[in-house]
Each structure stands twice: as structure tokens, then as C-alpha cells.
Amino acid sequence: MNTYKNNIPSPYKTRVDPIQEEISKNISSFSLTVTTEQDLETMALFKNIAGFVAFKTTLKKGNQLLSIGYGSAVLNRLNKFVERTVLFAKNSSLIDAMVRSTKILDALSIMPNQKDSEERDLEGRDSPAFFGEEDMPQYASQKQRNFLTKLVENCDDSEKEEYLDALASPYLSKFQCSELIQKLMPVR
């Protein structure tokens, strides 16, 4: 019985699975500083509510502030377990800080061992192997971002949040930035 053995390696077998490649890019570790304190400002606002407790949790990476979370609870005859109620308020401030920090972590592009976020290859998309030269995405320049920031300052508060979210994205393309600038430019 003859068996055929292929000595040419398959390009599919030597390539890394794209899912695993993306997963490996997102595996990281970094240290955070969590500070929980009594939120005296909030407690002063609600001084008319007997048994009101409030906490403020601050999340930092090094000297960078990531988020501030708030939590509160009320001790009364329906909620008489002091230890559990205070712990609930403290934990809710921690959870609030963690939830708020997820968007900030994306916006700041915080990665471990990262020296300069601008040098970072955004998900490998800048390499010619991923796209043909004509298909490579063109990200918004700092000049475009600065001009768009000045235009956003003149917006209503309701619209400002949406535009600031777009500006925070490291993947904002030149085309998207140009469209936003045209949309915000005053009509003459």
C-alpha cells in the first residue's frame, strides 16, 4: 500500500488562528490603585435623611485618574443590618468605578509595557500584509482631531458627549473626522 506524504507545508497550518491572535493581544496585566473613602459631599447634600451612608472610590493607574465611582445606602428599620448595608454602599462605589473605567481604559489605550500609544500598531491593521497598500485605513491626524475638538466646544451639551466619544476613539478615520467637521462647521 502506497501512502502519499506531502512535504510542502500548508499555509493554513502555519498561520496563527486569527481568533487566538486577537485574544493574545487582549491578554494583559497592569496594577491599579483603588482608594475608597467616605463621600462627605454627598452625605452633606442628604443630611436630612437619617442613616444615609455614602462612599467614593477612586481608580488610578499610576498617576492617571481612570474613574470615580459613587455608592450609597440608607440604614433604617427596614434595612437594619449595619455591617451589610455599609458594605453594600462601599461595594457599589467600587463597581461603579470599575464600570466607568472600562470606557476610559479604551480611550487612553492603556496597555502594559506600552511606551508610546501613537507608536502602537492598531490591531495589526497598519501592516501591508493585512491590507493591500490602497486598502490601508487612514487614521485622523492630530491636526484634524484638534480642529474637531475646537468645533465640539461650541456644541450643545447633549451633542457634545457623542462627538467626544468619537474623538476618544483611536480608530477614528480621516474620512469620519472630515464628515464630523463638515457637520459641525457653521453655515455661511
N, C-alpha and C. Protein backbone atom coordinates (compact mmCIF):
# COMPACT_ATOMS: atom_id res chain seq x y z
N MET A 1 0.85 -1.18 0.00
CA MET A 1 0.00 0.00 0.00
C MET A 1 0.89 1.24 0.00
N ASN A 2 0.67 2.11 -0.96
CA ASN A 2 1.46 3.33 -1.07
C ASN A 2 0.75 4.46 -0.33
N THR A 3 1.53 5.20 0.40
CA THR A 3 0.96 6.37 1.08
C THR A 3 1.63 7.61 0.54
N TYR A 4 0.87 8.61 0.38
CA TYR A 4 1.38 9.87 -0.15
C TYR A 4 1.64 10.79 1.03
N LYS A 5 2.85 11.30 1.12
CA LYS A 5 3.19 12.23 2.19
C LYS A 5 3.54 13.57 1.56
N ASN A 6 2.82 14.57 1.90
CA ASN A 6 3.02 15.90 1.35
C ASN A 6 4.13 16.59 2.13
N ASN A 7 5.22 16.92 1.47
CA ASN A 7 6.34 17.58 2.12
C ASN A 7 6.22 19.10 2.10
N ILE A 8 5.23 19.61 1.40
CA ILE A 8 5.03 21.05 1.33
C ILE A 8 4.08 21.46 2.45
N PRO A 9 4.56 22.33 3.34
CA PRO A 9 3.67 22.73 4.45
C PRO A 9 2.51 23.57 3.94
N SER A 10 1.37 23.33 4.46
CA SER A 10 0.17 24.07 4.09
C SER A 10 0.24 25.47 4.71
N PRO A 11 -0.10 26.50 3.94
CA PRO A 11 -0.10 27.85 4.52
C PRO A 11 -1.17 28.01 5.61
N TYR A 12 -2.18 27.16 5.58
CA TYR A 12 -3.24 27.24 6.57
C TYR A 12 -2.82 26.65 7.90
N LYS A 13 -1.91 25.70 7.86
CA LYS A 13 -1.45 25.07 9.08
C LYS A 13 -0.42 25.93 9.80
N THR A 14 0.33 26.72 9.09
CA THR A 14 1.38 27.52 9.71
C THR A 14 0.86 28.88 10.19
N ARG A 15 -0.27 29.32 9.69
CA ARG A 15 -0.82 30.60 10.12
C ARG A 15 -1.44 30.47 11.50
N VAL A 16 -1.32 31.54 12.26
CA VAL A 16 -1.92 31.59 13.58
C VAL A 16 -3.42 31.82 13.42
N ASP A 17 -4.19 31.15 14.22
CA ASP A 17 -5.64 31.31 14.21
C ASP A 17 -5.96 32.78 14.52
N PRO A 18 -6.73 33.48 13.65
CA PRO A 18 -7.00 34.91 13.88
C PRO A 18 -7.72 35.19 15.19
N ILE A 19 -8.54 34.26 15.63
CA ILE A 19 -9.25 34.45 16.90
C ILE A 19 -8.26 34.40 18.05
N GLN A 20 -7.37 33.41 18.03
CA GLN A 20 -6.37 33.29 19.08
C GLN A 20 -5.39 34.47 19.05
N GLU A 21 -5.09 34.96 17.86
CA GLU A 21 -4.20 36.11 17.73
C GLU A 21 -4.83 37.34 18.39
N GLU A 22 -6.12 37.55 18.16
CA GLU A 22 -6.81 38.69 18.75
C GLU A 22 -6.92 38.52 20.27
N ILE A 23 -7.17 37.30 20.71
CA ILE A 23 -7.25 37.04 22.15
C ILE A 23 -5.91 37.34 22.81
N SER A 24 -4.82 36.91 22.19
CA SER A 24 -3.49 37.14 22.78
C SER A 24 -3.16 38.63 22.86
N LYS A 25 -3.69 39.45 21.96
CA LYS A 25 -3.46 40.90 22.01
C LYS A 25 -4.15 41.52 23.22
N ASN A 26 -5.25 40.90 23.66
CA ASN A 26 -6.04 41.48 24.74
C ASN A 26 -5.74 40.90 26.11
N ILE A 27 -4.81 39.99 26.19
CA ILE A 27 -4.41 39.43 27.48
C ILE A 27 -3.34 40.34 28.04
N SER A 28 -3.58 40.89 29.22
CA SER A 28 -2.62 41.82 29.80
C SER A 28 -2.77 41.87 31.30
N SER A 29 -1.86 42.56 31.91
CA SER A 29 -1.88 42.74 33.34
C SER A 29 -1.30 44.10 33.68
N PHE A 30 -1.98 44.85 34.51
CA PHE A 30 -1.44 46.11 34.99
C PHE A 30 -2.00 46.38 36.38
N SER A 31 -1.28 47.18 37.12
CA SER A 31 -1.65 47.46 38.51
C SER A 31 -2.52 48.71 38.59
N LEU A 32 -3.55 48.60 39.40
CA LEU A 32 -4.45 49.72 39.64
C LEU A 32 -4.41 50.07 41.12
N THR A 33 -4.64 51.34 41.41
CA THR A 33 -4.75 51.78 42.79
C THR A 33 -6.22 52.10 43.04
N VAL A 34 -6.79 51.45 44.05
CA VAL A 34 -8.19 51.66 44.40
C VAL A 34 -8.23 52.33 45.77
N THR A 35 -8.87 53.50 45.84
CA THR A 35 -8.98 54.24 47.09
C THR A 35 -10.45 54.45 47.39
N THR A 36 -10.90 53.96 48.53
CA THR A 36 -12.29 54.14 48.93
C THR A 36 -12.32 55.04 50.16
N GLU A 37 -13.20 56.04 50.10
CA GLU A 37 -13.34 56.97 51.22
C GLU A 37 -14.80 57.34 51.40
N GLN A 38 -15.10 57.86 52.56
CA GLN A 38 -16.46 58.29 52.83
C GLN A 38 -16.72 59.53 51.99
N ASP A 39 -17.86 59.58 51.32
CA ASP A 39 -18.21 60.70 50.44
C ASP A 39 -18.94 61.76 51.27
N LEU A 40 -18.16 62.64 51.85
CA LEU A 40 -18.72 63.66 52.76
C LEU A 40 -19.57 64.68 52.02
N GLU A 41 -19.22 64.99 50.76
CA GLU A 41 -20.01 65.96 49.99
C GLU A 41 -21.43 65.46 49.76
N THR A 42 -21.55 64.20 49.35
CA THR A 42 -22.87 63.62 49.11
C THR A 42 -23.65 63.51 50.41
N MET A 43 -22.94 63.11 51.47
CA MET A 43 -23.63 62.99 52.77
C MET A 43 -24.14 64.36 53.24
N ALA A 44 -23.41 65.43 52.93
CA ALA A 44 -23.86 66.77 53.31
C ALA A 44 -25.11 67.17 52.53
N LEU A 45 -25.19 66.74 51.26
CA LEU A 45 -26.37 67.04 50.46
C LEU A 45 -27.61 66.33 50.98
N PHE A 46 -27.41 65.12 51.52
CA PHE A 46 -28.54 64.32 52.01
C PHE A 46 -28.55 64.26 53.54
N LYS A 47 -28.15 65.34 54.19
CA LYS A 47 -28.08 65.36 55.65
C LYS A 47 -29.46 65.22 56.30
N ASN A 48 -30.52 65.51 55.56
CA ASN A 48 -31.88 65.38 56.11
C ASN A 48 -32.36 63.93 56.14
N ILE A 49 -31.63 63.00 55.52
CA ILE A 49 -32.01 61.58 55.53
C ILE A 49 -31.22 60.89 56.63
N ALA A 50 -31.94 60.42 57.65
CA ALA A 50 -31.28 59.75 58.77
C ALA A 50 -30.73 58.39 58.32
N GLY A 51 -29.52 58.08 58.73
CA GLY A 51 -28.91 56.78 58.41
C GLY A 51 -28.32 56.69 57.01
N PHE A 52 -28.12 57.82 56.35
CA PHE A 52 -27.58 57.82 54.99
C PHE A 52 -26.06 57.65 55.05
N VAL A 53 -25.53 56.69 54.29
CA VAL A 53 -24.08 56.50 54.18
C VAL A 53 -23.70 56.55 52.71
N ALA A 54 -22.52 57.12 52.42
CA ALA A 54 -22.07 57.25 51.03
C ALA A 54 -20.56 57.06 50.96
N PHE A 55 -20.12 56.43 49.87
CA PHE A 55 -18.70 56.19 49.63
C PHE A 55 -18.32 56.68 48.25
N LYS A 56 -17.04 57.02 48.12
CA LYS A 56 -16.47 57.43 46.83
C LYS A 56 -15.23 56.58 46.63
N THR A 57 -15.15 55.89 45.48
CA THR A 57 -14.00 55.06 45.15
C THR A 57 -13.29 55.65 43.95
N THR A 58 -11.99 55.85 44.09
CA THR A 58 -11.16 56.41 43.02
C THR A 58 -10.28 55.31 42.47
N LEU A 59 -10.24 55.18 41.16
CA LEU A 59 -9.43 54.17 40.47
C LEU A 59 -8.35 54.89 39.69
N LYS A 60 -7.08 54.50 39.93
CA LYS A 60 -5.95 55.12 39.23
C LYS A 60 -5.01 54.06 38.70
N LYS A 61 -4.35 54.40 37.61
CA LYS A 61 -3.24 53.59 37.10
C LYS A 61 -2.03 54.51 37.15
N GLY A 62 -1.15 54.26 38.09
CA GLY A 62 -0.04 55.17 38.31
C GLY A 62 -0.59 56.50 38.78
N ASN A 63 -0.27 57.56 38.06
CA ASN A 63 -0.80 58.89 38.39
C ASN A 63 -2.01 59.27 37.55
N GLN A 64 -2.42 58.39 36.63
CA GLN A 64 -3.57 58.68 35.77
C GLN A 64 -4.87 58.30 36.46
N LEU A 65 -5.77 59.27 36.58
CA LEU A 65 -7.09 59.02 37.13
C LEU A 65 -7.92 58.31 36.07
N LEU A 66 -8.46 57.15 36.40
CA LEU A 66 -9.29 56.41 35.45
C LEU A 66 -10.77 56.67 35.67
N SER A 67 -11.19 56.63 36.94
CA SER A 67 -12.61 56.87 37.19
C SER A 67 -12.86 57.11 38.67
N ILE A 68 -14.04 57.65 38.93
CA ILE A 68 -14.52 57.83 40.30
C ILE A 68 -15.90 57.23 40.36
N GLY A 69 -16.12 56.34 41.32
CA GLY A 69 -17.42 55.69 41.48
C GLY A 69 -18.07 56.10 42.78
N TYR A 70 -19.40 56.11 42.79
CA TYR A 70 -20.14 56.53 43.97
C TYR A 70 -21.13 55.44 44.37
N GLY A 71 -21.31 55.27 45.67
CA GLY A 71 -22.28 54.31 46.17
C GLY A 71 -22.86 54.81 47.48
N SER A 72 -24.13 54.50 47.70
CA SER A 72 -24.77 54.95 48.94
C SER A 72 -25.84 53.95 49.36
N ALA A 73 -26.22 54.07 50.61
CA ALA A 73 -27.29 53.23 51.17
C ALA A 73 -27.90 53.97 52.35
N VAL A 74 -29.05 53.51 52.79
CA VAL A 74 -29.74 54.13 53.92
C VAL A 74 -30.01 53.07 54.97
N LEU A 75 -29.60 53.37 56.19
CA LEU A 75 -29.90 52.50 57.33
C LEU A 75 -31.23 52.96 57.92
N ASN A 76 -32.19 52.04 58.00
CA ASN A 76 -33.47 52.36 58.61
C ASN A 76 -34.05 51.08 59.21
N ARG A 77 -35.30 51.13 59.64
CA ARG A 77 -35.88 49.95 60.30
C ARG A 77 -36.10 48.80 59.32
N LEU A 78 -36.24 49.08 58.01
CA LEU A 78 -36.38 48.02 57.02
C LEU A 78 -35.02 47.43 56.64
N ASN A 79 -33.98 48.21 56.80
CA ASN A 79 -32.64 47.81 56.39
C ASN A 79 -31.73 47.97 57.61
N LYS A 80 -31.91 47.11 58.61
CA LYS A 80 -31.28 47.33 59.91
C LYS A 80 -29.93 46.65 60.09
N PHE A 81 -29.44 45.90 59.09
CA PHE A 81 -28.16 45.23 59.23
C PHE A 81 -27.05 46.20 58.85
N VAL A 82 -26.46 46.82 59.84
CA VAL A 82 -25.49 47.90 59.65
C VAL A 82 -24.30 47.45 58.81
N GLU A 83 -23.68 46.36 59.21
CA GLU A 83 -22.47 45.90 58.52
C GLU A 83 -22.74 45.61 57.04
N ARG A 84 -23.83 44.91 56.76
CA ARG A 84 -24.17 44.55 55.38
C ARG A 84 -24.52 45.79 54.56
N THR A 85 -25.24 46.73 55.13
CA THR A 85 -25.64 47.94 54.42
C THR A 85 -24.44 48.82 54.07
N VAL A 86 -23.54 48.99 55.03
CA VAL A 86 -22.35 49.79 54.78
C VAL A 86 -21.47 49.11 53.73
N LEU A 87 -21.34 47.80 53.82
CA LEU A 87 -20.55 47.06 52.84
C LEU A 87 -21.18 47.15 51.45
N PHE A 88 -22.50 47.12 51.38
CA PHE A 88 -23.20 47.28 50.11
C PHE A 88 -22.88 48.63 49.48
N ALA A 89 -22.91 49.70 50.27
CA ALA A 89 -22.62 51.05 49.75
C ALA A 89 -21.18 51.13 49.26
N LYS A 90 -20.25 50.56 50.02
CA LYS A 90 -18.84 50.58 49.63
C LYS A 90 -18.63 49.79 48.34
N ASN A 91 -19.20 48.59 48.26
CA ASN A 91 -19.04 47.75 47.07
C ASN A 91 -19.70 48.37 45.84
N SER A 92 -20.81 49.04 46.03
CA SER A 92 -21.47 49.67 44.88
C SER A 92 -20.62 50.82 44.34
N SER A 93 -19.89 51.51 45.19
CA SER A 93 -18.99 52.57 44.71
C SER A 93 -17.82 51.96 43.94
N LEU A 94 -17.32 50.81 44.39
CA LEU A 94 -16.25 50.12 43.68
C LEU A 94 -16.73 49.63 42.31
N ILE A 95 -17.89 49.04 42.27
CA ILE A 95 -18.45 48.54 41.00
C ILE A 95 -18.69 49.71 40.04
N ASP A 96 -19.21 50.81 40.56
CA ASP A 96 -19.45 51.99 39.72
C ASP A 96 -18.13 52.50 39.13
N ALA A 97 -17.09 52.53 39.94
CA ALA A 97 -15.78 52.99 39.44
C ALA A 97 -15.25 52.05 38.37
N MET A 98 -15.41 50.75 38.56
CA MET A 98 -14.92 49.77 37.58
C MET A 98 -15.69 49.91 36.26
N VAL A 99 -16.99 50.05 36.33
CA VAL A 99 -17.80 50.18 35.12
C VAL A 99 -17.43 51.45 34.37
N ARG A 100 -17.26 52.54 35.09
CA ARG A 100 -16.91 53.80 34.44
C ARG A 100 -15.51 53.76 33.83
N SER A 101 -14.62 52.96 34.40
CA SER A 101 -13.24 52.92 33.92
C SER A 101 -13.09 52.15 32.62
N THR A 102 -14.07 51.30 32.27
CA THR A 102 -13.91 50.49 31.06
C THR A 102 -13.81 51.36 29.81
N LYS A 103 -14.61 52.40 29.71
CA LYS A 103 -14.52 53.29 28.56
C LYS A 103 -13.24 54.10 28.60
N ILE A 104 -12.82 54.51 29.77
CA ILE A 104 -11.60 55.30 29.90
C ILE A 104 -10.39 54.47 29.51
N LEU A 105 -10.38 53.21 29.91
CA LEU A 105 -9.25 52.34 29.54
C LEU A 105 -9.13 52.23 28.04
N ASP A 106 -10.26 52.14 27.34
CA ASP A 106 -10.22 52.09 25.88
C ASP A 106 -9.75 53.43 25.32
N ALA A 107 -10.24 54.51 25.87
CA ALA A 107 -9.88 55.83 25.35
C ALA A 107 -8.40 56.13 25.55
N LEU A 108 -7.88 55.76 26.68
CA LEU A 108 -6.46 56.02 26.96
C LEU A 108 -5.56 54.96 26.34
N SER A 109 -6.15 53.90 25.84
CA SER A 109 -5.39 52.78 25.25
C SER A 109 -4.30 52.30 26.20
N ILE A 110 -4.70 52.05 27.41
CA ILE A 110 -3.73 51.62 28.41
C ILE A 110 -3.40 50.16 28.20
N MET A 111 -2.16 49.92 27.89
CA MET A 111 -1.66 48.56 27.68
C MET A 111 -0.41 48.41 28.52
N PRO A 112 -0.13 47.23 29.06
CA PRO A 112 1.08 47.04 29.84
C PRO A 112 2.31 47.14 28.94
N ASN A 113 3.39 47.65 29.48
CA ASN A 113 4.67 47.77 28.78
C ASN A 113 4.55 48.59 27.50
N GLN A 114 3.65 49.51 27.46
CA GLN A 114 3.47 50.34 26.27
C GLN A 114 4.18 51.66 26.51
N LYS A 115 5.13 51.99 25.65
CA LYS A 115 5.91 53.21 25.83
C LYS A 115 5.17 54.41 25.25
N ASP A 116 4.68 54.29 24.03
CA ASP A 116 4.02 55.41 23.39
C ASP A 116 2.83 54.88 22.61
N SER A 117 1.64 55.34 22.96
CA SER A 117 0.44 54.79 22.32
C SER A 117 0.38 55.12 20.84
N GLU A 118 1.04 56.18 20.39
CA GLU A 118 0.99 56.52 18.97
C GLU A 118 1.86 55.59 18.13
N GLU A 119 2.86 54.96 18.75
CA GLU A 119 3.72 54.05 18.01
C GLU A 119 3.07 52.68 17.88
N ARG A 120 2.05 52.44 18.67
CA ARG A 120 1.43 51.13 18.70
C ARG A 120 0.73 50.82 17.39
N ASP A 121 0.89 49.62 16.91
CA ASP A 121 0.22 49.18 15.69
C ASP A 121 -1.21 48.82 16.08
N LEU A 122 -2.16 49.60 15.62
CA LEU A 122 -3.55 49.41 16.00
C LEU A 122 -4.09 48.11 15.42
N GLU A 123 -4.11 47.09 16.26
CA GLU A 123 -4.62 45.76 15.93
C GLU A 123 -3.98 45.18 14.69
N GLY A 124 -2.75 45.54 14.38
CA GLY A 124 -2.06 44.97 13.24
C GLY A 124 -2.59 45.47 11.90
N ARG A 125 -3.45 46.48 11.93
CA ARG A 125 -4.08 46.93 10.69
C ARG A 125 -3.18 47.81 9.85
N ASP A 126 -2.10 48.31 10.42
CA ASP A 126 -1.23 49.17 9.65
C ASP A 126 -0.22 48.40 8.83
N SER A 127 -0.15 47.10 9.01
CA SER A 127 0.84 46.33 8.27
C SER A 127 0.32 46.01 6.87
N PRO A 128 1.19 46.14 5.85
CA PRO A 128 0.76 45.89 4.47
C PRO A 128 0.30 44.45 4.26
N ALA A 129 0.70 43.53 5.14
CA ALA A 129 0.28 42.14 5.00
C ALA A 129 -1.22 41.99 5.28
N PHE A 130 -1.76 42.90 6.11
CA PHE A 130 -3.18 42.81 6.46
C PHE A 130 -4.04 43.36 5.34
N PHE A 131 -3.64 44.50 4.79
CA PHE A 131 -4.36 45.15 3.69
C PHE A 131 -3.40 45.32 2.52
N GLY A 132 -3.96 45.50 1.36
CA GLY A 132 -3.14 45.97 0.25
C GLY A 132 -2.85 47.44 0.51
N GLU A 133 -1.84 48.00 -0.11
CA GLU A 133 -1.47 49.40 0.15
C GLU A 133 -2.64 50.35 -0.05
N GLU A 134 -3.46 50.12 -1.07
CA GLU A 134 -4.57 51.04 -1.34
C GLU A 134 -5.70 50.87 -0.33
N ASP A 135 -5.77 49.73 0.37
CA ASP A 135 -6.84 49.48 1.32
C ASP A 135 -6.50 49.89 2.75
N MET A 136 -5.26 50.32 2.99
CA MET A 136 -4.86 50.63 4.36
C MET A 136 -5.68 51.79 4.90
N PRO A 137 -6.20 51.65 6.12
CA PRO A 137 -7.01 52.72 6.71
C PRO A 137 -6.13 53.93 7.03
N GLN A 138 -6.70 55.08 6.84
CA GLN A 138 -6.01 56.33 7.15
C GLN A 138 -6.66 56.90 8.40
N TYR A 139 -5.92 56.94 9.50
CA TYR A 139 -6.46 57.44 10.75
C TYR A 139 -6.38 58.97 10.78
N ALA A 140 -7.28 59.56 11.53
CA ALA A 140 -7.35 61.02 11.62
C ALA A 140 -6.05 61.58 12.17
N SER A 141 -5.59 62.67 11.57
CA SER A 141 -4.36 63.31 12.02
C SER A 141 -4.65 64.11 13.29
N GLN A 142 -3.58 64.45 13.99
CA GLN A 142 -3.73 65.23 15.21
C GLN A 142 -4.28 66.62 14.89
N LYS A 143 -3.93 67.15 13.73
CA LYS A 143 -4.44 68.45 13.30
C LYS A 143 -5.96 68.40 13.13
N GLN A 144 -6.45 67.32 12.49
CA GLN A 144 -7.90 67.16 12.32
C GLN A 144 -8.59 67.03 13.67
N ARG A 145 -7.99 66.22 14.55
CA ARG A 145 -8.58 66.00 15.88
C ARG A 145 -8.64 67.32 16.67
N ASN A 146 -7.58 68.13 16.60
CA ASN A 146 -7.56 69.41 17.32
C ASN A 146 -8.64 70.35 16.79
N PHE A 147 -8.79 70.41 15.46
CA PHE A 147 -9.80 71.28 14.86
C PHE A 147 -11.21 70.81 15.25
N LEU A 148 -11.41 69.50 15.22
CA LEU A 148 -12.72 68.95 15.60
C LEU A 148 -13.00 69.23 17.08
N THR A 149 -11.99 69.16 17.92
CA THR A 149 -12.16 69.46 19.35
C THR A 149 -12.63 70.90 19.54
N LYS A 150 -12.06 71.83 18.78
CA LYS A 150 -12.47 73.24 18.88
C LYS A 150 -13.92 73.42 18.45
N LEU A 151 -14.33 72.69 17.41
CA LEU A 151 -15.72 72.77 16.95
C LEU A 151 -16.68 72.17 17.97
N VAL A 152 -16.27 71.09 18.61
CA VAL A 152 -17.13 70.40 19.59
C VAL A 152 -17.37 71.29 20.81
N GLU A 153 -16.40 72.13 21.15
CA GLU A 153 -16.56 73.01 22.31
C GLU A 153 -17.75 73.94 22.16
N ASN A 154 -18.15 74.24 20.93
CA ASN A 154 -19.27 75.15 20.68
C ASN A 154 -20.62 74.43 20.58
N CYS A 155 -20.63 73.10 20.75
CA CYS A 155 -21.87 72.32 20.62
C CYS A 155 -22.70 72.38 21.90
N ASP A 156 -23.97 71.96 21.76
CA ASP A 156 -24.83 71.80 22.92
C ASP A 156 -24.31 70.63 23.74
N ASP A 157 -24.64 70.64 25.03
CA ASP A 157 -24.17 69.57 25.92
C ASP A 157 -24.69 68.20 25.49
N SER A 158 -25.90 68.16 24.93
CA SER A 158 -26.48 66.88 24.52
C SER A 158 -25.70 66.25 23.37
N GLU A 159 -25.23 67.08 22.44
CA GLU A 159 -24.48 66.57 21.29
C GLU A 159 -23.00 66.38 21.62
N LYS A 160 -22.49 67.17 22.55
CA LYS A 160 -21.06 67.18 22.87
C LYS A 160 -20.56 65.80 23.28
N GLU A 161 -21.33 65.08 24.08
CA GLU A 161 -20.93 63.74 24.56
C GLU A 161 -20.69 62.78 23.39
N GLU A 162 -21.59 62.81 22.42
CA GLU A 162 -21.48 61.92 21.26
C GLU A 162 -20.19 62.21 20.48
N TYR A 163 -19.91 63.48 20.26
CA TYR A 163 -18.71 63.85 19.50
C TYR A 163 -17.44 63.56 20.28
N LEU A 164 -17.47 63.75 21.59
CA LEU A 164 -16.29 63.46 22.41
C LEU A 164 -15.99 61.97 22.42
N ASP A 165 -17.04 61.14 22.40
CA ASP A 165 -16.83 59.68 22.32
C ASP A 165 -16.15 59.32 21.00
N ALA A 166 -16.58 59.95 19.92
CA ALA A 166 -15.96 59.68 18.61
C ALA A 166 -14.50 60.14 18.61
N LEU A 167 -14.23 61.29 19.22
CA LEU A 167 -12.86 61.80 19.28
C LEU A 167 -11.96 60.92 20.14
N ALA A 168 -12.52 60.27 21.14
CA ALA A 168 -11.72 59.44 22.04
C ALA A 168 -11.27 58.15 21.38
N SER A 169 -11.92 57.76 20.32
CA SER A 169 -11.58 56.51 19.64
C SER A 169 -10.25 56.62 18.90
N PRO A 170 -9.31 55.69 19.15
CA PRO A 170 -8.05 55.72 18.42
C PRO A 170 -8.23 55.28 16.96
N TYR A 171 -9.40 54.76 16.60
CA TYR A 171 -9.67 54.24 15.26
C TYR A 171 -10.44 55.23 14.39
N LEU A 172 -10.55 56.48 14.83
CA LEU A 172 -11.27 57.49 14.06
C LEU A 172 -10.53 57.74 12.75
N SER A 173 -11.20 57.48 11.64
CA SER A 173 -10.54 57.62 10.33
C SER A 173 -10.58 59.07 9.88
N LYS A 174 -9.73 59.38 8.89
CA LYS A 174 -9.71 60.72 8.32
C LYS A 174 -11.06 61.06 7.71
N PHE A 175 -11.67 60.08 7.07
CA PHE A 175 -12.97 60.29 6.43
C PHE A 175 -14.04 60.60 7.48
N GLN A 176 -14.09 59.81 8.57
CA GLN A 176 -15.08 60.05 9.62
C GLN A 176 -14.87 61.41 10.26
N CYS A 177 -13.60 61.76 10.50
CA CYS A 177 -13.28 63.04 11.11
C CYS A 177 -13.71 64.18 10.19
N SER A 178 -13.45 64.03 8.91
CA SER A 178 -13.83 65.05 7.92
C SER A 178 -15.35 65.23 7.89
N GLU A 179 -16.10 64.12 7.95
CA GLU A 179 -17.56 64.20 7.96
C GLU A 179 -18.06 64.95 9.19
N LEU A 180 -17.46 64.66 10.36
CA LEU A 180 -17.87 65.34 11.58
C LEU A 180 -17.56 66.83 11.51
N ILE A 181 -16.40 67.17 10.95
CA ILE A 181 -16.03 68.58 10.80
C ILE A 181 -17.03 69.30 9.91
N GLN A 182 -17.39 68.67 8.78
CA GLN A 182 -18.37 69.29 7.87
C GLN A 182 -19.72 69.47 8.55
N LYS A 183 -20.09 68.50 9.37
CA LYS A 183 -21.37 68.55 10.07
C LYS A 183 -21.41 69.69 11.10
N LEU A 184 -20.25 69.96 11.71
CA LEU A 184 -20.20 70.97 12.78
C LEU A 184 -19.80 72.35 12.29
N MET A 185 -19.32 72.45 11.07
CA MET A 185 -18.90 73.76 10.56
C MET A 185 -20.11 74.67 10.43
N PRO A 186 -19.98 75.92 10.88
CA PRO A 186 -21.12 76.85 10.76
C PRO A 186 -21.37 77.16 9.28
N VAL A 187 -22.64 77.21 8.92
CA VAL A 187 -23.03 77.51 7.55
C VAL A 187 -22.94 79.02 7.34
N ARG A 188 -22.30 79.41 6.22
CA ARG A 188 -22.12 80.85 5.95
C ARG A 188 -23.03 81.30 4.86
